[in-house]
PDB file of all heavy atoms in Angstrom:
ATOM      1  N   MET A   1       2.549  -5.658   0.419  1.00  0.00           N
ATOM      2  CA  MET A   1       1.623  -5.188  -0.613  1.00  0.00           C
ATOM      3  C   MET A   1       0.300  -5.919  -0.457  1.00  0.00           C
ATOM      4  O   MET A   1       0.269  -7.116  -0.132  1.00  0.00           O
ATOM      5  CB  MET A   1       2.197  -5.446  -2.010  1.00  0.00           C
ATOM      6  CG  MET A   1       1.319  -5.007  -3.162  1.00  0.00           C
ATOM      7  SD  MET A   1       2.010  -5.515  -4.754  1.00  0.00           S
ATOM      8  CE  MET A   1       1.004  -4.547  -5.874  1.00  0.00           C
ATOM      9  N   ALA A   2      -0.789  -5.211  -0.683  1.00  0.00           N
ATOM     10  CA  ALA A   2      -2.111  -5.834  -0.669  1.00  0.00           C
ATOM     11  C   ALA A   2      -3.016  -5.097  -1.648  1.00  0.00           C
ATOM     12  O   ALA A   2      -2.974  -3.865  -1.734  1.00  0.00           O
ATOM     13  CB  ALA A   2      -2.721  -5.789   0.730  1.00  0.00           C
ATOM     14  N   PHE A   3      -3.823  -5.858  -2.367  1.00  0.00           N
ATOM     15  CA  PHE A   3      -4.799  -5.289  -3.300  1.00  0.00           C
ATOM     16  C   PHE A   3      -6.145  -5.126  -2.597  1.00  0.00           C
ATOM     17  O   PHE A   3      -6.579  -6.006  -1.860  1.00  0.00           O
ATOM     18  CB  PHE A   3      -4.947  -6.181  -4.528  1.00  0.00           C
ATOM     19  CG  PHE A   3      -3.756  -6.145  -5.438  1.00  0.00           C
ATOM     20  CD1 PHE A   3      -2.736  -7.067  -5.304  1.00  0.00           C
ATOM     21  CD2 PHE A   3      -3.651  -5.174  -6.426  1.00  0.00           C
ATOM     22  CE1 PHE A   3      -1.631  -7.033  -6.137  1.00  0.00           C
ATOM     23  CE2 PHE A   3      -2.551  -5.130  -7.266  1.00  0.00           C
ATOM     24  CZ  PHE A   3      -1.531  -6.051  -7.114  1.00  0.00           C
ATOM     25  N   HIS A   4      -6.770  -4.001  -2.854  1.00  0.00           N
ATOM     26  CA  HIS A   4      -8.099  -3.750  -2.302  1.00  0.00           C
ATOM     27  C   HIS A   4      -9.059  -4.847  -2.778  1.00  0.00           C
ATOM     28  O   HIS A   4      -8.964  -5.317  -3.916  1.00  0.00           O
ATOM     29  CB  HIS A   4      -8.590  -2.377  -2.763  1.00  0.00           C
ATOM     30  CG  HIS A   4      -9.787  -1.877  -2.033  1.00  0.00           C
ATOM     31  ND1 HIS A   4     -11.064  -2.352  -2.284  1.00  0.00           N
ATOM     32  CD2 HIS A   4      -9.930  -0.942  -1.049  1.00  0.00           C
ATOM     33  CE1 HIS A   4     -11.926  -1.738  -1.498  1.00  0.00           C
ATOM     34  NE2 HIS A   4     -11.268  -0.871  -0.739  1.00  0.00           N
ATOM     35  N   PRO A   5     -10.001  -5.279  -1.935  1.00  0.00           N
ATOM     36  CA  PRO A   5     -10.965  -6.296  -2.370  1.00  0.00           C
ATOM     37  C   PRO A   5     -11.730  -5.896  -3.623  1.00  0.00           C
ATOM     38  O   PRO A   5     -12.157  -6.764  -4.394  1.00  0.00           O
ATOM     39  CB  PRO A   5     -11.902  -6.421  -1.166  1.00  0.00           C
ATOM     40  CG  PRO A   5     -11.067  -6.009   0.005  1.00  0.00           C
ATOM     41  CD  PRO A   5     -10.151  -4.944  -0.508  1.00  0.00           C
ATOM     42  N   ASP A   6     -11.900  -4.584  -3.842  1.00  0.00           N
ATOM     43  CA  ASP A   6     -12.594  -4.098  -5.036  1.00  0.00           C
ATOM     44  C   ASP A   6     -11.599  -3.547  -6.062  1.00  0.00           C
ATOM     45  O   ASP A   6     -11.921  -2.618  -6.812  1.00  0.00           O
ATOM     46  CB  ASP A   6     -13.602  -3.009  -4.660  1.00  0.00           C
ATOM     47  CG  ASP A   6     -14.728  -3.550  -3.804  1.00  0.00           C
ATOM     48  OD1 ASP A   6     -15.122  -4.714  -4.003  1.00  0.00           O
ATOM     49  OD2 ASP A   6     -15.210  -2.804  -2.926  1.00  0.00           O
ATOM     50  N   TYR A   7     -10.401  -4.145  -6.087  1.00  0.00           N
ATOM     51  CA  TYR A   7      -9.351  -3.649  -6.984  1.00  0.00           C
ATOM     52  C   TYR A   7      -9.809  -3.633  -8.441  1.00  0.00           C
ATOM     53  O   TYR A   7      -9.486  -2.699  -9.189  1.00  0.00           O
ATOM     54  CB  TYR A   7      -8.107  -4.532  -6.844  1.00  0.00           C
ATOM     55  CG  TYR A   7      -6.996  -4.187  -7.806  1.00  0.00           C
ATOM     56  CD1 TYR A   7      -6.238  -3.035  -7.636  1.00  0.00           C
ATOM     57  CD2 TYR A   7      -6.700  -5.021  -8.885  1.00  0.00           C
ATOM     58  CE1 TYR A   7      -5.205  -2.710  -8.508  1.00  0.00           C
ATOM     59  CE2 TYR A   7      -5.674  -4.707  -9.764  1.00  0.00           C
ATOM     60  CZ  TYR A   7      -4.934  -3.551  -9.571  1.00  0.00           C
ATOM     61  OH  TYR A   7      -3.925  -3.240 -10.449  1.00  0.00           O
ATOM     62  N   ALA A   8     -10.573  -4.625  -8.854  1.00  0.00           N
ATOM     63  CA  ALA A   8     -11.032  -4.671 -10.246  1.00  0.00           C
ATOM     64  C   ALA A   8     -11.871  -3.454 -10.608  1.00  0.00           C
ATOM     65  O   ALA A   8     -11.935  -3.063 -11.781  1.00  0.00           O
ATOM     66  CB  ALA A   8     -11.828  -5.953 -10.497  1.00  0.00           C
ATOM     67  N   THR A   9     -12.472  -2.827  -9.590  1.00  0.00           N
ATOM     68  CA  THR A   9     -13.311  -1.646  -9.819  1.00  0.00           C
ATOM     69  C   THR A   9     -12.588  -0.337  -9.531  1.00  0.00           C
ATOM     70  O   THR A   9     -12.612   0.597 -10.332  1.00  0.00           O
ATOM     71  CB  THR A   9     -14.580  -1.719  -8.960  1.00  0.00           C
ATOM     72  OG1 THR A   9     -15.294  -2.918  -9.295  1.00  0.00           O
ATOM     73  CG2 THR A   9     -15.476  -0.514  -9.200  1.00  0.00           C
ATOM     74  N   ASN A  10     -11.924  -0.283  -8.349  1.00  0.00           N
ATOM     75  CA  ASN A  10     -11.324   1.005  -7.957  1.00  0.00           C
ATOM     76  C   ASN A  10      -9.835   1.119  -8.256  1.00  0.00           C
ATOM     77  O   ASN A  10      -9.274   2.216  -8.218  1.00  0.00           O
ATOM     78  CB  ASN A  10     -11.594   1.299  -6.474  1.00  0.00           C
ATOM     79  CG  ASN A  10     -10.970   0.258  -5.539  1.00  0.00           C
ATOM     80  OD1 ASN A  10      -9.951  -0.345  -5.830  1.00  0.00           O
ATOM     81  ND2 ASN A  10     -11.604   0.064  -4.389  1.00  0.00           N
ATOM     82  N   GLY A  11      -9.151  -0.006  -8.520  1.00  0.00           N
ATOM     83  CA  GLY A  11      -7.739   0.029  -8.889  1.00  0.00           C
ATOM     84  C   GLY A  11      -6.782   0.342  -7.759  1.00  0.00           C
ATOM     85  O   GLY A  11      -5.590   0.580  -7.988  1.00  0.00           O
ATOM     86  N   PHE A  12      -7.232   0.287  -6.496  1.00  0.00           N
ATOM     87  CA  PHE A  12      -6.381   0.660  -5.368  1.00  0.00           C
ATOM     88  C   PHE A  12      -5.550  -0.531  -4.871  1.00  0.00           C
ATOM     89  O   PHE A  12      -6.049  -1.657  -4.766  1.00  0.00           O
ATOM     90  CB  PHE A  12      -7.215   1.195  -4.202  1.00  0.00           C
ATOM     91  CG  PHE A  12      -7.864   2.521  -4.460  1.00  0.00           C
ATOM     92  CD1 PHE A  12      -9.080   2.836  -3.853  1.00  0.00           C
ATOM     93  CD2 PHE A  12      -7.280   3.457  -5.292  1.00  0.00           C
ATOM     94  CE1 PHE A  12      -9.689   4.059  -4.071  1.00  0.00           C
ATOM     95  CE2 PHE A  12      -7.885   4.690  -5.523  1.00  0.00           C
ATOM     96  CZ  PHE A  12      -9.082   4.985  -4.920  1.00  0.00           C
ATOM     97  N   PHE A  13      -4.300  -0.258  -4.530  1.00  0.00           N
ATOM     98  CA  PHE A  13      -3.481  -1.232  -3.821  1.00  0.00           C
ATOM     99  C   PHE A  13      -2.658  -0.480  -2.782  1.00  0.00           C
ATOM    100  O   PHE A  13      -2.502   0.749  -2.831  1.00  0.00           O
ATOM    101  CB  PHE A  13      -2.602  -2.046  -4.767  1.00  0.00           C
ATOM    102  CG  PHE A  13      -1.545  -1.257  -5.500  1.00  0.00           C
ATOM    103  CD1 PHE A  13      -0.248  -1.170  -5.022  1.00  0.00           C
ATOM    104  CD2 PHE A  13      -1.852  -0.604  -6.693  1.00  0.00           C
ATOM    105  CE1 PHE A  13       0.726  -0.440  -5.704  1.00  0.00           C
ATOM    106  CE2 PHE A  13      -0.891   0.119  -7.384  1.00  0.00           C
ATOM    107  CZ  PHE A  13       0.413   0.201  -6.890  1.00  0.00           C
ATOM    108  N   TYR A  14      -2.123  -1.224  -1.816  1.00  0.00           N
ATOM    109  CA  TYR A  14      -1.484  -0.631  -0.643  1.00  0.00           C
ATOM    110  C   TYR A  14      -0.104  -1.246  -0.444  1.00  0.00           C
ATOM    111  O   TYR A  14       0.097  -2.448  -0.698  1.00  0.00           O
ATOM    112  CB  TYR A  14      -2.371  -0.847   0.593  1.00  0.00           C
ATOM    113  CG  TYR A  14      -3.733  -0.218   0.412  1.00  0.00           C
ATOM    114  CD1 TYR A  14      -4.716  -0.856  -0.357  1.00  0.00           C
ATOM    115  CD2 TYR A  14      -4.022   1.024   0.943  1.00  0.00           C
ATOM    116  CE1 TYR A  14      -5.952  -0.266  -0.568  1.00  0.00           C
ATOM    117  CE2 TYR A  14      -5.267   1.622   0.742  1.00  0.00           C
ATOM    118  CZ  TYR A  14      -6.216   0.972  -0.023  1.00  0.00           C
ATOM    119  OH  TYR A  14      -7.439   1.563  -0.243  1.00  0.00           O
ATOM    120  N   VAL A  15       0.835  -0.423  -0.016  1.00  0.00           N
ATOM    121  CA  VAL A  15       2.195  -0.903   0.214  1.00  0.00           C
ATOM    122  C   VAL A  15       2.650  -0.480   1.603  1.00  0.00           C
ATOM    123  O   VAL A  15       2.139   0.480   2.191  1.00  0.00           O
ATOM    124  CB  VAL A  15       3.180  -0.370  -0.849  1.00  0.00           C
ATOM    125  CG1 VAL A  15       2.811  -0.888  -2.230  1.00  0.00           C
ATOM    126  CG2 VAL A  15       3.259   1.153  -0.833  1.00  0.00           C
ATOM    127  N   TYR A  16       3.621  -1.215   2.104  1.00  0.00           N
ATOM    128  CA  TYR A  16       4.233  -0.952   3.406  1.00  0.00           C
ATOM    129  C   TYR A  16       5.729  -0.848   3.170  1.00  0.00           C
ATOM    130  O   TYR A  16       6.334  -1.753   2.604  1.00  0.00           O
ATOM    131  CB  TYR A  16       3.909  -2.117   4.340  1.00  0.00           C
ATOM    132  CG  TYR A  16       4.403  -2.009   5.768  1.00  0.00           C
ATOM    133  CD1 TYR A  16       3.510  -1.968   6.829  1.00  0.00           C
ATOM    134  CD2 TYR A  16       5.767  -1.996   6.073  1.00  0.00           C
ATOM    135  CE1 TYR A  16       3.945  -1.907   8.148  1.00  0.00           C
ATOM    136  CE2 TYR A  16       6.214  -1.924   7.378  1.00  0.00           C
ATOM    137  CZ  TYR A  16       5.302  -1.881   8.415  1.00  0.00           C
ATOM    138  OH  TYR A  16       5.740  -1.821   9.710  1.00  0.00           O
ATOM    139  N   TYR A  17       6.331   0.264   3.603  1.00  0.00           N
ATOM    140  CA  TYR A  17       7.766   0.432   3.376  1.00  0.00           C
ATOM    141  C   TYR A  17       8.402   1.219   4.514  1.00  0.00           C
ATOM    142  O   TYR A  17       7.727   1.918   5.284  1.00  0.00           O
ATOM    143  CB  TYR A  17       8.035   1.109   2.035  1.00  0.00           C
ATOM    144  CG  TYR A  17       7.521   2.525   1.874  1.00  0.00           C
ATOM    145  CD1 TYR A  17       8.295   3.629   2.239  1.00  0.00           C
ATOM    146  CD2 TYR A  17       6.248   2.759   1.340  1.00  0.00           C
ATOM    147  CE1 TYR A  17       7.821   4.921   2.076  1.00  0.00           C
ATOM    148  CE2 TYR A  17       5.771   4.057   1.170  1.00  0.00           C
ATOM    149  CZ  TYR A  17       6.558   5.138   1.547  1.00  0.00           C
ATOM    150  OH  TYR A  17       6.083   6.416   1.393  1.00  0.00           O
ATOM    151  N   THR A  18       9.727   1.100   4.615  1.00  0.00           N
ATOM    152  CA  THR A  18      10.526   1.906   5.527  1.00  0.00           C
ATOM    153  C   THR A  18      10.980   3.144   4.781  1.00  0.00           C
ATOM    154  O   THR A  18      11.645   3.032   3.744  1.00  0.00           O
ATOM    155  CB  THR A  18      11.750   1.127   6.025  1.00  0.00           C
ATOM    156  OG1 THR A  18      11.340  -0.134   6.539  1.00  0.00           O
ATOM    157  CG2 THR A  18      12.481   1.900   7.100  1.00  0.00           C
ATOM    158  N   ASN A  19      10.631   4.316   5.279  1.00  0.00           N
ATOM    159  CA  ASN A  19      11.012   5.535   4.560  1.00  0.00           C
ATOM    160  C   ASN A  19      12.450   5.925   4.862  1.00  0.00           C
ATOM    161  O   ASN A  19      13.154   5.265   5.647  1.00  0.00           O
ATOM    162  CB  ASN A  19      10.024   6.682   4.843  1.00  0.00           C
ATOM    163  CG  ASN A  19      10.064   7.173   6.286  1.00  0.00           C
ATOM    164  OD1 ASN A  19      10.993   6.898   7.048  1.00  0.00           O
ATOM    165  ND2 ASN A  19       9.042   7.913   6.676  1.00  0.00           N
ATOM    166  N   THR A  20      12.908   7.000   4.266  1.00  0.00           N
ATOM    167  CA  THR A  20      14.314   7.388   4.398  1.00  0.00           C
ATOM    168  C   THR A  20      14.661   7.880   5.800  1.00  0.00           C
ATOM    169  O   THR A  20      15.839   8.032   6.122  1.00  0.00           O
ATOM    170  CB  THR A  20      14.661   8.472   3.357  1.00  0.00           C
ATOM    171  OG1 THR A  20      13.727   9.556   3.465  1.00  0.00           O
ATOM    172  CG2 THR A  20      14.609   7.894   1.941  1.00  0.00           C
ATOM    173  N   ASN A  21      13.654   8.128   6.640  1.00  0.00           N
ATOM    174  CA  ASN A  21      13.892   8.460   8.045  1.00  0.00           C
ATOM    175  C   ASN A  21      13.940   7.216   8.928  1.00  0.00           C
ATOM    176  O   ASN A  21      14.153   7.316  10.135  1.00  0.00           O
ATOM    177  CB  ASN A  21      12.800   9.397   8.566  1.00  0.00           C
ATOM    178  CG  ASN A  21      12.853  10.769   7.928  1.00  0.00           C
ATOM    179  OD1 ASN A  21      13.935  11.290   7.635  1.00  0.00           O
ATOM    180  ND2 ASN A  21      11.690  11.364   7.698  1.00  0.00           N
ATOM    181  N   GLY A  22      13.682   6.054   8.322  1.00  0.00           N
ATOM    182  CA  GLY A  22      13.680   4.809   9.082  1.00  0.00           C
ATOM    183  C   GLY A  22      12.350   4.458   9.696  1.00  0.00           C
ATOM    184  O   GLY A  22      12.254   3.483  10.455  1.00  0.00           O
ATOM    185  N   ASP A  23      11.306   5.238   9.408  1.00  0.00           N
ATOM    186  CA  ASP A  23       9.984   4.945   9.950  1.00  0.00           C
ATOM    187  C   ASP A  23       9.162   4.127   8.953  1.00  0.00           C
ATOM    188  O   ASP A  23       9.485   4.062   7.769  1.00  0.00           O
ATOM    189  CB  ASP A  23       9.256   6.245  10.292  1.00  0.00           C
ATOM    190  CG  ASP A  23       9.974   7.039  11.380  1.00  0.00           C
ATOM    191  OD1 ASP A  23      10.555   6.404  12.279  1.00  0.00           O
ATOM    192  OD2 ASP A  23       9.966   8.292  11.320  1.00  0.00           O
ATOM    193  N   ASN A  24       8.094   3.515   9.427  1.00  0.00           N
ATOM    194  CA  ASN A  24       7.277   2.631   8.600  1.00  0.00           C
ATOM    195  C   ASN A  24       6.054   3.361   8.081  1.00  0.00           C
ATOM    196  O   ASN A  24       5.373   4.080   8.824  1.00  0.00           O
ATOM    197  CB  ASN A  24       6.851   1.391   9.378  1.00  0.00           C
ATOM    198  CG  ASN A  24       8.037   0.533   9.787  1.00  0.00           C
ATOM    199  OD1 ASN A  24       8.094   0.048  10.908  1.00  0.00           O
ATOM    200  ND2 ASN A  24       8.994   0.338   8.900  1.00  0.00           N
ATOM    201  N   VAL A  25       5.764   3.160   6.805  1.00  0.00           N
ATOM    202  CA  VAL A  25       4.711   3.880   6.106  1.00  0.00           C
ATOM    203  C   VAL A  25       3.760   2.894   5.441  1.00  0.00           C
ATOM    204  O   VAL A  25       4.190   1.916   4.829  1.00  0.00           O
ATOM    205  CB  VAL A  25       5.309   4.824   5.041  1.00  0.00           C
ATOM    206  CG1 VAL A  25       4.207   5.474   4.207  1.00  0.00           C
ATOM    207  CG2 VAL A  25       6.189   5.889   5.694  1.00  0.00           C
ATOM    208  N   VAL A  26       2.473   3.147   5.555  1.00  0.00           N
ATOM    209  CA  VAL A  26       1.456   2.460   4.752  1.00  0.00           C
ATOM    210  C   VAL A  26       0.875   3.499   3.799  1.00  0.00           C
ATOM    211  O   VAL A  26       0.430   4.564   4.238  1.00  0.00           O
ATOM    212  CB  VAL A  26       0.347   1.864   5.633  1.00  0.00           C
ATOM    213  CG1 VAL A  26      -0.746   1.234   4.759  1.00  0.00           C
ATOM    214  CG2 VAL A  26       0.915   0.825   6.597  1.00  0.00           C
TER     215      VAL A  26
END
């Protein structure tokens, strides 16, 4: 997980996970 540098303004954050097919997603 990572918060956007401008999170206080834009509210965006990012996650990295393994999906149900076993592949990696951002």
